[in-house]
């Protein structure tokens, strides 16, 4: 049972209800329930701008870049401080609704740093920074976030070269960080290195050349499939190229180079974390100075026709991100046509996929009417909001102060979402709406721990496990629940119970399954047990003895989320069912798997 419609009686009009429309509704329109019982269209997404926050009033920042630490729910910003010999600094911002408060900036290295860049290594739960150094080094460091502060390990050299156009990307497929740069010490060739984070340090593999020619304006990000994408200007300054790389260990190998536009570009900003198998990035065209977005699919990649972001704007200093909550491609840039003397105001636009290889952009809006450069976007997955950082030149002096604010994508009646129309409905007419929604297993799964008593005996063909007295019983371990296999009985001595995705575990050629598993004590002694918290989407498991073959059995892992009898459930903002009170009551639970729907 995964959808709210599955709860409806079989005779309920094809699992749908009739509602009276408030306003004309199109076929397939998402609708919300009004207080008068009618349904209306869910309003379009609007951008709610948060309060602008400065890093520090005396800071002059350059090369601003940001990452989002999803574990600590913090925004992390790196920049070169013009008031402190251009040393690279990092500062932590705490995001609360639509405000950001920054802690005290921390210096990474007391030496000049330029072309600063940053990535969040979700595997190691660390921040990685890379920057150029006046000693003709490209340096790096690993940081650990704690509250509003960050501590760094020792500085590690990526390469002893004069690097430029540095960029950095965390590849979730290889759980590695990849940096790219123009190697000024080797004919300005395009070069990349792969880094492995361990504790508070990082080790870098051997440099790999991706273009044996003069390279500049390099962008790096998510490619198609499990590959890393690189977009850059090539040697003849009239063509721009793209190629994909596969990370293996501490190295990266590149596919054939592809031309994506017959023009020189000024900069590239990738859109990452897309749900589709696409590569999307923005670039500034050198011919008309306008900002474009391009989409590629497949492997090798085939690019669609570039789309101009805004015909009336000359876009520069841009950043991009994907808002997965609103399904929007978002970009912020300095509009060189705006402001007194064309100082360039910070401008924001969103777009949606109109085809597999095309994005349709919405209207441009000014979000900071002050000269603004170096905008960078990150998406806060925990609170469904965009965080924009940028350098603000308030006095128009060419000296900037790093600042940031949030953009919340909200709809005035999104909390009233109830379903989708089955056909167009005229105003005040009655039409069918299919209820939508799933079961929020986090909210409604029975969280009590189930304990199985494990004993061992020989039924005639060798020792076997008995579960609650049943020989090699097949057990059902529901996703999201906790189960304890109690091995305190003396017969368990020498027979540690473990799990595997292979029948008979290591004896059957498989390996031990450890996700959510905790082992306590020594089998056969008081307090000994093996416990598992079954992951959502867990595979079928098999319990086995690590010391002896043939002792175990099967542990099925069904997705049978359960209701608490008598509790009232509501349709949540995301369409799932939960006990959190909203304006839409689904009904009261009659049993572990059924609800008495109030609409019936």
Protein backbone atom coordinates (compact mmCIF):
# COMPACT_ATOMS: atom_id res chain seq x y z
CA UNK A 1 0.00 0.00 0.00
CA UNK A 2 1.86 3.07 -1.21
CA UNK A 3 -0.84 5.56 -2.30
CA UNK A 4 -3.74 7.21 -0.55
CA UNK A 5 -5.97 6.08 -3.43
CA UNK A 6 -5.24 2.47 -2.43
CA UNK A 7 -7.25 3.11 0.72
CA UNK A 8 -10.42 4.00 -1.17
CA UNK A 9 -13.28 1.49 -1.50
CA UNK A 10 -13.40 -0.27 -4.87
CA UNK A 11 -16.74 1.33 -5.76
CA UNK A 12 -15.67 4.91 -5.18
CA UNK A 13 -15.82 6.10 -8.78
CA UNK A 14 -12.51 4.63 -9.92
CA UNK A 15 -10.84 5.63 -6.65
CA UNK A 16 -11.70 9.30 -7.08
CA UNK A 17 -14.10 11.83 -5.59
CA UNK A 18 -16.29 14.50 -7.14
CA UNK A 19 -15.68 18.09 -6.09
CA UNK A 20 -17.14 21.45 -7.06
CA UNK A 21 -14.60 23.68 -8.78
CA UNK A 22 -13.79 27.20 -7.67
CA UNK A 23 -12.56 28.74 -10.89
CA UNK A 24 -11.95 26.94 -14.18
CA UNK A 25 -9.67 23.94 -13.76
CA UNK A 26 -7.63 22.28 -16.51
CA UNK A 27 -7.21 18.56 -16.97
CA UNK A 28 -4.36 17.33 -14.77
CA UNK A 29 -4.46 20.45 -12.57
CA UNK A 30 -3.14 20.09 -9.03
CA UNK A 31 -5.88 21.32 -6.69
CA UNK A 32 -6.28 22.26 -3.06
CA UNK A 33 -9.28 21.89 -0.78
CA UNK A 34 -10.97 25.14 0.31
CA UNK A 35 -12.73 25.66 3.62
CA UNK A 36 -16.11 25.67 1.80
CA UNK A 37 -15.47 22.15 0.41
CA UNK A 38 -14.68 23.33 -3.14
CA UNK A 39 -11.34 22.78 -4.84
CA UNK A 40 -9.13 25.41 -6.47
CA UNK A 41 -5.89 25.36 -8.47
CA UNK A 42 -2.68 25.27 -6.50
CA UNK A 43 -1.07 28.67 -6.94
CA UNK A 44 2.16 28.99 -8.86
CA UNK A 45 5.43 29.12 -7.01
CA UNK A 46 6.48 32.52 -5.72
CA UNK A 47 9.92 33.51 -4.50
CA UNK A 48 10.10 34.85 -0.96
CA UNK A 49 13.38 36.66 -0.38
CA UNK A 50 15.03 36.43 3.00
CA UNK A 51 17.01 39.05 4.88
CA UNK A 52 20.43 39.89 3.44
CA UNK A 53 23.31 38.99 5.77
CA UNK A 54 26.91 40.26 5.56
CA UNK A 55 29.88 38.09 6.50
CA UNK A 56 31.56 40.99 8.32
CA UNK A 57 31.21 44.72 7.83
CA UNK A 58 34.96 45.20 7.31
CA UNK A 59 35.52 42.24 5.02
CA UNK A 60 36.48 42.82 1.40
CA UNK A 61 35.84 39.50 -0.27
CA UNK A 62 36.85 38.11 -3.62
CA UNK A 63 36.45 34.71 -5.30
CA UNK A 64 33.43 33.95 -3.10
CA UNK A 65 32.23 30.31 -3.31
CA UNK A 66 29.78 28.34 -1.17
CA UNK A 67 28.80 24.78 -0.29
CA UNK A 68 25.98 23.40 1.82
CA UNK A 69 26.78 21.03 4.69
CA UNK A 70 23.65 18.88 4.75
CA UNK A 71 24.66 17.02 7.93
CA UNK A 72 25.09 20.15 10.06
CA UNK A 73 22.54 22.13 8.01
CA UNK A 74 24.99 25.00 7.50
CA UNK A 75 26.04 27.20 4.61
CA UNK A 76 29.84 27.35 4.26
CA UNK A 77 31.43 30.27 2.39
CA UNK A 78 35.06 30.75 1.30
CA UNK A 79 36.60 33.97 0.00
CA UNK A 80 39.87 35.91 -0.27
CA UNK A 81 39.86 38.77 2.22
CA UNK A 82 41.15 42.00 0.67
CA UNK A 83 41.60 43.52 4.15
CA UNK A 84 43.82 40.66 5.28
CA UNK A 85 46.46 40.28 2.56
CA UNK A 86 43.96 38.28 0.48
CA UNK A 87 44.26 35.30 2.79
CA UNK A 88 41.62 32.59 2.17
CA UNK A 89 38.91 32.66 4.85
CA UNK A 90 35.95 30.40 5.54
CA UNK A 91 32.83 31.38 7.47
CA UNK A 92 29.84 29.31 8.65
CA UNK A 93 26.28 30.55 8.23
CA UNK A 94 23.32 29.19 10.17
CA UNK A 95 20.12 29.27 8.12
CA UNK A 96 16.84 29.78 9.99
CA UNK A 97 13.66 30.11 7.87
CA UNK A 98 14.57 33.18 5.78
CA UNK A 99 17.53 34.54 7.74
CA UNK A 100 21.23 33.67 7.84
CA UNK A 101 23.59 34.45 10.71
CA UNK A 102 27.34 34.13 10.15
CA UNK A 103 29.92 33.11 12.73
CA UNK A 104 33.48 34.39 12.96
CA UNK A 105 35.55 33.91 9.77
CA UNK A 106 38.45 31.43 10.08
CA UNK A 107 41.65 31.72 8.06
CA UNK A 108 42.60 28.61 6.10
CA UNK A 109 46.21 29.62 5.50
CA UNK A 110 48.11 32.81 6.38
CA UNK A 111 49.20 33.26 2.80
CA UNK A 112 47.58 34.80 -0.24
CA UNK A 113 44.86 32.63 -1.76
CA UNK A 114 42.99 33.24 -4.99
CA UNK A 115 40.51 31.36 -7.18
CA UNK A 116 39.05 29.86 -4.03
CA UNK A 117 36.59 26.99 -4.39
CA UNK A 118 34.77 24.66 -2.03
CA UNK A 119 32.84 21.38 -1.93
CA UNK A 120 31.03 19.36 0.69
CA UNK A 121 32.22 15.74 0.86
CA UNK A 122 29.02 13.99 1.95
CA UNK A 123 30.86 10.68 2.30
CA UNK A 124 33.39 11.95 4.83
CA UNK A 125 31.05 14.68 6.12
CA UNK A 126 33.80 17.26 5.68
CA UNK A 127 34.31 20.52 3.81
CA UNK A 128 37.09 20.58 1.20
CA UNK A 129 38.62 23.85 -0.01
CA UNK A 130 41.06 24.44 -2.89
CA UNK A 131 42.76 27.70 -3.81
CA UNK A 132 45.71 29.13 -5.71
CA UNK A 133 48.73 30.39 -3.82
CA UNK A 134 51.26 33.07 -4.78
CA UNK A 135 54.03 30.50 -4.31
CA UNK A 136 52.79 28.89 -7.53
CA UNK A 137 51.02 26.12 -5.64
CA UNK A 138 47.45 24.90 -5.69
CA UNK A 139 46.67 24.16 -2.06
CA UNK A 140 43.83 22.39 -0.26
CA UNK A 141 42.53 21.75 3.23
CA UNK A 142 39.79 19.73 4.94
CA UNK A 143 37.47 21.40 7.44
CA UNK A 144 35.17 20.09 10.17
CA UNK A 145 32.06 22.11 11.02
CA UNK A 146 31.05 22.59 14.64
CA UNK A 147 28.25 25.04 15.37
CA UNK A 148 29.23 28.34 13.77
CA UNK A 149 32.92 27.49 13.63
CA UNK A 150 35.14 25.35 11.44
CA UNK A 151 38.54 23.78 12.12
CA UNK A 152 40.99 22.82 9.39
CA UNK A 153 43.62 20.11 9.16
CA UNK A 154 47.03 20.74 7.65
CA UNK A 155 47.29 22.42 4.25
CA UNK A 156 47.98 19.88 1.49
CA UNK A 157 49.37 20.82 -1.92
CA UNK A 158 47.29 19.61 -4.86
CA UNK A 159 50.01 20.43 -7.38
CA UNK A 160 53.18 22.56 -7.33
CA UNK A 161 52.07 24.55 -10.35
CA UNK A 162 50.76 27.98 -11.27
CA UNK A 163 47.05 27.13 -11.41
CA UNK A 164 44.18 29.27 -12.63
CA UNK A 165 40.44 28.89 -13.22
CA UNK A 166 40.37 26.45 -10.30
CA UNK A 167 37.12 24.60 -9.74
CA UNK A 168 36.00 21.80 -7.43
CA UNK A 169 33.29 19.14 -7.42
CA UNK A 170 32.29 16.35 -5.06
CA UNK A 171 31.43 13.25 -7.08
CA UNK A 172 28.84 11.24 -5.08
CA UNK A 173 29.27 8.20 -7.33
CA UNK A 174 32.96 7.72 -6.51
CA UNK A 175 32.78 9.52 -3.12
CA UNK A 176 35.81 11.56 -4.24
CA UNK A 177 36.51 15.24 -4.80
CA UNK A 178 37.71 16.32 -8.23
CA UNK A 179 39.48 19.59 -8.94
CA UNK A 180 40.29 21.07 -12.35
CA UNK A 181 42.48 24.00 -13.36
CA UNK A 182 44.60 25.58 -16.07
CA UNK A 183 48.19 24.54 -15.46
CA UNK A 184 50.24 27.67 -16.11
CA UNK A 185 53.40 25.68 -15.44
CA UNK A 186 52.63 23.31 -18.32
CA UNK A 187 51.58 25.39 -21.36
CA UNK A 188 48.24 26.24 -19.64
CA UNK A 189 46.89 22.74 -20.33
CA UNK A 190 43.55 21.74 -18.81
CA UNK A 191 44.29 19.44 -15.87
CA UNK A 192 42.37 17.52 -13.20
CA UNK A 193 43.21 15.75 -9.93
CA UNK A 194 41.18 13.36 -7.77
CA UNK A 195 41.29 13.67 -3.98
CA UNK A 196 40.48 11.22 -1.18
CA UNK A 197 39.43 12.62 2.20
CA UNK A 198 40.61 10.81 5.34
CA UNK A 199 39.98 12.41 8.70
CA UNK A 200 41.17 16.00 8.55
CA UNK A 201 43.46 15.50 5.56
CA UNK A 202 43.20 14.82 1.85
CA UNK A 203 45.50 12.95 -0.53
CA UNK A 204 45.62 13.78 -4.23
CA UNK A 205 46.25 11.42 -7.11
CA UNK A 206 48.43 12.09 -10.14
CA UNK A 207 47.37 14.98 -12.38
CA UNK A 208 45.50 14.04 -15.57
CA UNK A 209 45.46 16.33 -18.63
CA UNK A 210 42.02 16.65 -20.22
CA UNK A 211 43.09 19.11 -22.93
CA UNK A 212 46.66 19.33 -24.28
CA UNK A 213 46.21 22.95 -25.30
CA UNK A 214 45.56 26.37 -23.79
CA UNK A 215 42.43 26.07 -21.62
CA UNK A 216 40.34 28.57 -19.71
CA UNK A 217 36.88 29.27 -18.21
CA UNK A 218 36.62 25.73 -16.84
CA UNK A 219 33.44 24.45 -15.22
CA UNK A 220 33.00 21.09 -13.49
CA UNK A 221 29.93 19.28 -12.24
CA UNK A 222 27.47 16.45 -12.69
CA UNK A 223 27.63 14.61 -16.01
CA UNK A 224 25.28 11.97 -17.38
CA UNK A 225 25.11 8.55 -15.77
CA UNK A 226 27.78 8.31 -13.08
CA UNK A 227 30.31 10.53 -14.81
CA UNK A 228 31.84 13.92 -14.05
CA UNK A 229 31.29 16.69 -16.62
CA UNK A 230 33.80 19.35 -17.72
CA UNK A 231 33.00 22.36 -19.92
CA UNK A 232 35.72 24.75 -21.05
CA UNK A 233 37.01 27.04 -23.79
CA UNK A 234 39.50 25.38 -26.08
CA UNK A 235 42.75 26.56 -27.63
CA UNK A 236 41.52 28.38 -30.73
CA UNK A 237 39.23 30.72 -28.73
CA UNK A 238 36.31 30.19 -31.12
CA UNK A 239 34.93 26.91 -29.82
CA UNK A 240 33.78 25.60 -26.45
CA UNK A 241 34.12 21.96 -25.52
CA UNK A 242 32.65 19.38 -23.18
CA UNK A 243 33.90 16.01 -22.06
CA UNK A 244 33.05 13.47 -19.37
CA UNK A 245 35.32 11.69 -16.96
CA UNK A 246 35.06 8.48 -14.95
CA UNK A 247 36.69 8.47 -11.51
CA UNK A 248 38.46 5.27 -10.50
CA UNK A 249 40.50 5.20 -7.32
CA UNK A 250 42.70 8.29 -7.30
CA UNK A 251 42.53 8.97 -11.02
CA UNK A 252 40.07 10.04 -13.71
CA UNK A 253 39.86 8.94 -17.35
CA UNK A 254 38.15 11.11 -19.97
CA UNK A 255 35.84 10.34 -22.89
CA UNK A 256 36.04 11.93 -26.33
CA UNK A 257 35.77 15.73 -26.46
CA UNK A 258 32.46 17.18 -27.73
CA UNK A 259 31.83 20.69 -29.06
CA UNK A 260 28.71 22.13 -27.45
CA UNK A 261 28.76 25.62 -28.99
CA UNK A 262 30.77 27.26 -31.76
CA UNK A 263 31.53 30.28 -29.64
CA UNK A 264 33.91 31.36 -26.91
CA UNK A 265 32.29 31.44 -23.47
CA UNK A 266 33.01 33.39 -20.31
CA UNK A 267 32.50 30.97 -17.47
CA UNK A 268 30.34 27.90 -16.83
CA UNK A 269 28.01 27.00 -13.93
CA UNK A 270 26.73 23.43 -13.66
CA UNK A 271 23.35 22.42 -12.24
CA UNK A 272 23.84 19.39 -9.97
CA UNK A 273 21.64 16.83 -8.19
CA UNK A 274 19.14 16.54 -11.04
CA UNK A 275 16.72 13.58 -10.87
CA UNK A 276 16.99 12.98 -14.62
CA UNK A 277 19.98 11.53 -16.45
CA UNK A 278 20.90 14.92 -17.90
CA UNK A 279 23.78 17.34 -17.88
CA UNK A 280 22.73 21.00 -17.51
CA UNK A 281 24.93 24.09 -17.30
CA UNK A 282 24.78 27.84 -17.90
CA UNK A 283 27.40 29.85 -19.81
CA UNK A 284 27.99 33.44 -20.94
CA UNK A 285 28.38 33.81 -24.70
CA UNK A 286 31.31 36.04 -25.64
CA UNK A 287 29.66 37.22 -28.87
CA UNK A 288 26.52 38.81 -27.38
CA UNK A 289 27.42 38.68 -23.63
CA UNK A 290 24.12 37.00 -22.86
CA UNK A 291 23.58 34.12 -20.51
CA UNK A 292 22.52 30.74 -21.97
CA UNK A 293 21.46 27.36 -20.57
CA UNK A 294 22.13 24.10 -22.40
CA UNK A 295 20.93 20.54 -21.78
CA UNK A 296 22.60 17.30 -22.83
CA UNK A 297 21.44 13.68 -22.59
CA UNK A 298 22.88 10.24 -23.23
CA UNK A 299 26.39 8.85 -23.26
CA UNK A 300 28.07 10.08 -25.41
CA UNK A 301 26.22 13.31 -24.72
CA UNK A 302 23.95 14.91 -27.31
CA UNK A 303 23.23 18.59 -26.61
CA UNK A 304 20.01 20.39 -27.44
CA UNK A 305 19.77 23.98 -28.69
CA UNK A 306 21.04 26.53 -26.14
CA UNK A 307 18.31 28.72 -24.59
CA UNK A 308 18.95 32.38 -23.85
CA UNK A 309 18.16 33.06 -20.20
CA UNK A 310 16.86 36.58 -20.67
CA UNK A 311 16.87 38.42 -23.99
CA UNK A 312 17.05 41.81 -22.28
CA UNK A 313 19.87 41.02 -19.88
CA UNK A 314 23.62 40.76 -20.25
CA UNK A 315 24.45 38.14 -17.66
CA UNK A 316 27.78 37.67 -15.89
CA UNK A 317 29.16 36.34 -12.58
CA UNK A 318 26.49 33.67 -12.36
CA UNK A 319 25.63 30.62 -10.27
CA UNK A 320 23.02 27.88 -10.66
CA UNK A 321 21.24 25.17 -8.65
CA UNK A 322 18.31 22.75 -8.86
CA UNK A 323 15.36 23.20 -6.49
CA UNK A 324 14.08 19.64 -6.15
CA UNK A 325 11.05 20.68 -4.09
CA UNK A 326 9.67 23.01 -6.76
CA UNK A 327 11.35 21.17 -9.71
CA UNK A 328 12.99 24.40 -10.89
CA UNK A 329 16.30 25.20 -12.55
CA UNK A 330 17.52 28.36 -10.78
CA UNK A 331 20.16 30.90 -11.78
CA UNK A 332 21.39 34.19 -10.31
CA UNK A 333 23.62 36.60 -12.21
CA UNK A 334 24.81 40.17 -12.48
CA UNK A 335 22.67 41.93 -15.10
CA UNK A 336 25.14 44.22 -16.83
CA UNK A 337 22.26 46.25 -18.28
CA UNK A 338 20.90 47.24 -14.86
CA UNK A 339 21.83 49.88 -12.31
CA UNK A 340 23.22 53.38 -12.57
CA UNK A 341 26.13 53.35 -14.95
CA UNK A 342 25.36 49.70 -15.67
CA UNK A 343 26.82 48.63 -12.33
CA UNK A 344 24.95 45.32 -12.57
CA UNK A 345 22.19 44.34 -10.14
CA UNK A 346 21.81 40.79 -8.84
CA UNK A 347 19.08 39.12 -10.91
CA UNK A 348 17.27 35.79 -10.46
CA UNK A 349 15.41 33.51 -12.85
CA UNK A 350 13.91 30.04 -12.75
CA UNK A 351 13.24 27.57 -15.54
CA UNK A 352 11.47 24.28 -16.18
CA UNK A 353 12.15 21.44 -18.61
CA UNK A 354 9.93 21.84 -21.65
CA UNK A 355 11.52 18.81 -23.34
CA UNK A 356 14.30 16.33 -22.69
CA UNK A 357 16.90 18.79 -24.02
CA UNK A 358 15.34 22.20 -23.49
CA UNK A 359 14.67 24.55 -20.58
CA UNK A 360 12.04 27.31 -20.67
CA UNK A 361 13.06 30.26 -18.51
CA UNK A 362 10.67 32.46 -16.58
CA UNK A 363 10.77 36.22 -16.09
CA UNK A 364 13.84 37.89 -14.62
CA UNK A 365 13.57 39.67 -11.27
CA UNK A 366 16.04 41.92 -9.47
CA UNK A 367 16.81 40.50 -6.03
CA UNK A 368 19.51 42.96 -4.97
CA UNK A 369 19.48 46.48 -6.43
CA UNK A 370 23.15 47.09 -5.69
CA UNK A 371 26.22 46.29 -7.78
CA UNK A 372 26.67 42.56 -7.19
CA UNK A 373 29.23 40.11 -8.51
CA UNK A 374 30.25 36.46 -8.15
CA UNK A 375 26.84 34.97 -7.32
CA UNK A 376 26.79 31.33 -6.19
CA UNK A 377 23.70 29.20 -5.54
CA UNK A 378 23.28 26.18 -3.30
CA UNK A 379 20.12 24.26 -2.46
CA UNK A 380 19.20 23.54 1.16
CA UNK A 381 17.62 20.08 0.94
CA UNK A 382 16.61 20.14 4.59
CA UNK A 383 14.41 23.21 4.33
CA UNK A 384 13.62 23.36 0.59
CA UNK A 385 15.17 26.72 -0.15
CA UNK A 386 17.84 28.30 -2.33
CA UNK A 387 20.76 30.06 -0.63
CA UNK A 388 22.35 32.84 -2.69
CA UNK A 389 25.79 34.20 -1.87
CA UNK A 390 27.44 37.06 -3.73
CA UNK A 391 29.94 39.91 -3.45
CA UNK A 392 28.27 43.30 -2.97
CA UNK A 393 29.98 46.51 -4.00
CA UNK A 394 27.81 48.97 -2.06
CA UNK A 395 30.00 52.02 -2.67
CA UNK A 396 30.75 51.21 -6.30
CA UNK A 397 34.44 51.28 -5.46
CA UNK A 398 35.28 47.88 -6.87
CA UNK A 399 35.72 46.48 -3.36
CA UNK A 400 33.13 43.90 -2.37
CA UNK A 401 31.62 42.47 0.80
CA UNK A 402 30.46 38.81 0.79
CA UNK A 403 26.76 38.53 1.58
CA UNK A 404 24.02 35.93 1.37
CA UNK A 405 20.28 35.45 1.70
CA UNK A 406 17.67 32.75 1.15
CA UNK A 407 14.96 32.32 -1.45
CA UNK A 408 11.98 30.31 -0.27
CA UNK A 409 9.79 28.87 -3.02
CA UNK A 410 6.28 28.91 -1.63
CA UNK A 411 2.66 28.71 -2.73
CA UNK A 412 -0.10 30.42 -0.77
CA UNK A 413 -2.32 27.31 -0.76
CA UNK A 414 0.18 24.46 -1.16
CA UNK A 415 -0.74 23.12 2.28
CA UNK A 416 -4.28 22.46 1.00
CA UNK A 417 -3.14 20.08 -1.76
CA UNK A 418 -5.56 17.18 -2.12
CA UNK A 419 -5.26 15.73 -5.63
CA UNK A 420 -5.25 16.09 -9.42
CA UNK A 421 -8.21 16.67 -11.72
CA UNK A 422 -9.15 13.83 -14.10
CA UNK A 423 -10.59 16.22 -16.70
CA UNK A 424 -11.20 19.94 -17.17
CA UNK A 425 -13.85 21.35 -14.80
CA UNK A 426 -15.72 24.60 -15.43
CA UNK A 427 -16.15 27.12 -12.62
CA UNK A 428 -18.85 25.98 -10.13
CA UNK A 429 -19.25 22.67 -12.01
CA UNK A 430 -18.63 19.26 -10.45
CA UNK A 431 -15.77 17.05 -11.62
CA UNK A 432 -13.60 14.13 -10.57
CA UNK A 433 -10.38 14.53 -8.60
CA UNK A 434 -8.05 11.60 -7.95
CA UNK A 435 -6.72 11.80 -4.42
CA UNK A 436 -2.95 11.76 -4.24
CA UNK A 437 -0.60 10.87 -1.44
CA UNK A 438 1.59 8.24 0.09
CA UNK A 439 2.16 6.85 3.53
CA UNK A 440 4.74 8.68 5.60
CA UNK A 441 6.51 5.67 7.08
CA UNK A 442 8.55 7.86 9.39
CA UNK A 443 5.40 9.16 11.03
CA UNK A 444 3.30 6.03 11.18
CA UNK A 445 5.55 3.02 11.38
CA UNK A 446 5.28 1.09 14.63
CA UNK A 447 8.55 1.92 16.38
CA UNK A 448 8.37 -0.72 19.13
CA UNK A 449 11.28 -3.22 19.25
CA UNK A 450 10.42 -6.85 18.56
CA UNK A 451 12.60 -9.45 20.31
CA UNK A 452 13.18 -12.98 19.03
CA UNK A 453 14.48 -15.65 21.42
CA UNK A 454 17.30 -17.55 19.67
CA UNK A 455 18.31 -21.07 20.67
CA UNK A 456 20.49 -23.68 18.98
CA UNK A 457 19.83 -27.44 18.76
CA UNK A 458 20.63 -30.40 16.51
CA UNK A 459 17.46 -31.83 14.89
CA UNK A 460 19.48 -34.65 13.34
CA UNK A 461 21.53 -33.02 10.57
CA UNK A 462 23.73 -30.63 12.53
CA UNK A 463 23.12 -27.55 14.66
CA UNK A 464 20.36 -25.19 13.58
CA UNK A 465 18.90 -21.91 14.83
CA UNK A 466 15.45 -21.96 16.44
CA UNK A 467 13.53 -18.66 16.54
CA UNK A 468 10.98 -18.51 19.34
CA UNK A 469 11.14 -22.32 19.33
CA UNK A 470 10.57 -22.71 15.55
CA UNK A 471 13.27 -24.47 13.52
CA UNK A 472 14.95 -22.07 11.07
CA UNK A 473 11.78 -19.99 11.01
CA UNK A 474 11.22 -17.50 8.18
CA UNK A 475 10.81 -14.12 9.88
CA UNK A 476 9.26 -10.88 8.64
CA UNK A 477 11.29 -7.71 9.39
CA UNK A 478 9.24 -4.67 8.40
CA UNK A 479 11.11 -1.70 6.97
CA UNK A 480 11.71 1.04 9.52
CA UNK A 481 11.25 -1.23 12.55
CA UNK A 482 13.75 -2.57 15.08
CA UNK A 483 14.31 -6.28 15.79
CA UNK A 484 16.49 -7.86 18.46
CA UNK A 485 17.76 -11.45 18.07
CA UNK A 486 18.44 -12.43 21.69
CA UNK A 487 21.42 -14.84 21.90
CA UNK A 488 21.75 -14.91 25.68
CA UNK A 489 20.67 -18.59 25.89
CA UNK A 490 23.67 -20.83 26.60
CA UNK A 491 23.06 -22.95 23.48
CA UNK A 492 24.20 -19.95 21.37
CA UNK A 493 27.82 -20.31 22.48
CA UNK A 494 30.10 -20.25 19.44
CA UNK A 495 27.25 -19.39 17.03
CA UNK A 496 27.26 -15.63 16.25
CA UNK A 497 24.13 -14.65 14.28
CA UNK A 498 24.58 -12.21 11.42
CA UNK A 499 22.76 -11.09 8.25
CA UNK A 500 23.54 -11.31 4.54
CA UNK A 501 21.81 -10.69 1.21
CA UNK A 502 22.98 -14.19 0.19
CA UNK A 503 21.49 -17.42 1.54
CA UNK A 504 23.86 -18.90 4.17
CA UNK A 505 25.89 -15.69 4.09
CA UNK A 506 29.65 -16.07 3.72
CA UNK A 507 29.24 -19.84 3.45
CA UNK A 508 27.17 -19.29 0.31
CA UNK A 509 29.64 -16.90 -1.30
CA UNK A 510 28.04 -13.73 0.08
CA UNK A 511 29.15 -11.08 2.54
CA UNK A 512 27.88 -9.77 5.85
CA UNK A 513 25.07 -7.19 5.69
CA UNK A 514 25.74 -4.47 8.28
CA UNK A 515 23.30 -1.65 7.50
CA UNK A 516 21.45 -0.80 10.73
CA UNK A 517 22.98 -3.81 12.52
CA UNK A 518 24.33 -3.65 16.10
CA UNK A 519 26.06 -6.55 17.85
CA UNK A 520 26.30 -6.64 21.66
CA UNK A 521 28.03 -9.20 23.89
CA UNK A 522 29.19 -12.77 23.33
CA UNK A 523 26.62 -15.38 22.18
CA UNK A 524 25.68 -17.75 24.97
CA UNK A 525 26.17 -15.10 27.67
CA UNK A 526 23.68 -12.84 29.42
CA UNK A 527 22.86 -9.66 27.46
CA UNK A 528 24.16 -10.95 24.10
CA UNK A 529 22.11 -10.02 21.03
CA UNK A 530 22.23 -8.94 17.41
CA UNK A 531 19.88 -6.06 16.58
CA UNK A 532 18.80 -4.62 13.23
CA UNK A 533 16.96 -1.43 12.36
CA UNK A 534 15.57 -2.36 8.94
CA UNK A 535 16.36 0.27 6.33
CA UNK A 536 13.68 1.61 4.00
CA UNK A 537 14.06 -0.31 0.76
CA UNK A 538 16.11 -3.06 2.42
CA UNK A 539 16.61 -6.24 0.33
CA UNK A 540 15.51 -9.71 1.39
CA UNK A 541 17.93 -10.84 4.10
CA UNK A 542 19.19 -14.17 5.40
CA UNK A 543 20.33 -14.84 8.95
CA UNK A 544 23.28 -17.17 9.33
CA UNK A 545 26.01 -18.34 11.72
CA UNK A 546 29.44 -16.90 10.95
CA UNK A 547 31.13 -20.06 12.21
CA UNK A 548 28.98 -22.86 10.77
CA UNK A 549 27.06 -23.33 7.53
CA UNK A 550 23.45 -24.39 7.17
CA UNK A 551 22.16 -22.98 10.47
CA UNK A 552 20.11 -20.01 9.30
CA UNK A 553 17.01 -19.03 7.36
CA UNK A 554 15.18 -16.24 5.55
CA UNK A 555 14.27 -12.75 6.83
CA UNK A 556 11.79 -10.99 4.53
CA UNK A 557 11.71 -7.17 4.66
CA UNK A 558 8.21 -6.01 3.63
CA UNK A 559 7.20 -2.38 3.25
CA UNK A 560 4.13 -2.68 5.45
CA UNK A 561 3.88 0.71 7.10
CA UNK A 562 1.32 0.53 9.87
CA UNK A 563 -1.27 2.93 11.25
CA UNK A 564 -1.95 3.34 14.93
CA UNK A 565 -5.59 2.35 15.52
CA UNK A 566 -7.70 5.31 16.64
CA UNK A 567 -5.20 7.98 15.56
CA UNK A 568 -6.24 10.71 13.14
CA UNK A 569 -4.17 11.09 9.96
CA UNK A 570 -3.81 14.15 7.76
CA UNK A 571 -2.59 14.82 4.22
CA UNK A 572 0.80 16.49 4.77
CA UNK A 573 2.26 19.32 2.69
CA UNK A 574 4.17 16.82 0.54
CA UNK A 575 1.07 14.70 -0.09
CA UNK A 576 1.99 11.94 2.34
CA UNK A 577 -0.09 10.79 5.30
CA UNK A 578 1.01 11.59 8.82
CA UNK A 579 -0.29 12.49 12.25
CA UNK A 580 0.83 16.11 11.99
CA UNK A 581 -2.25 18.34 11.94
CA UNK A 582 -2.96 20.14 8.64
CA UNK A 583 -6.06 21.59 7.02
CA UNK A 584 -6.86 18.29 5.26
CA UNK A 585 -8.08 15.43 7.44
CA UNK A 586 -7.74 12.00 5.81
CA UNK A 587 -9.54 10.09 8.56
CA UNK A 588 -9.14 7.84 11.56
CA UNK A 589 -7.21 4.57 11.48
CA UNK A 590 -9.52 1.55 11.77
CA UNK A 591 -6.69 -0.98 11.71
CA UNK A 592 -2.98 -1.19 11.01
CA UNK A 593 -3.62 -0.92 7.26
CA UNK A 594 -6.90 0.98 6.79
CA UNK A 595 -8.37 4.42 7.39
CA UNK A 596 -11.99 5.52 7.62
CA UNK A 597 -11.74 8.33 5.07
CA UNK A 598 -13.73 11.37 6.14
CA UNK A 599 -14.64 12.13 2.52
CA UNK A 600 -16.48 8.82 2.13
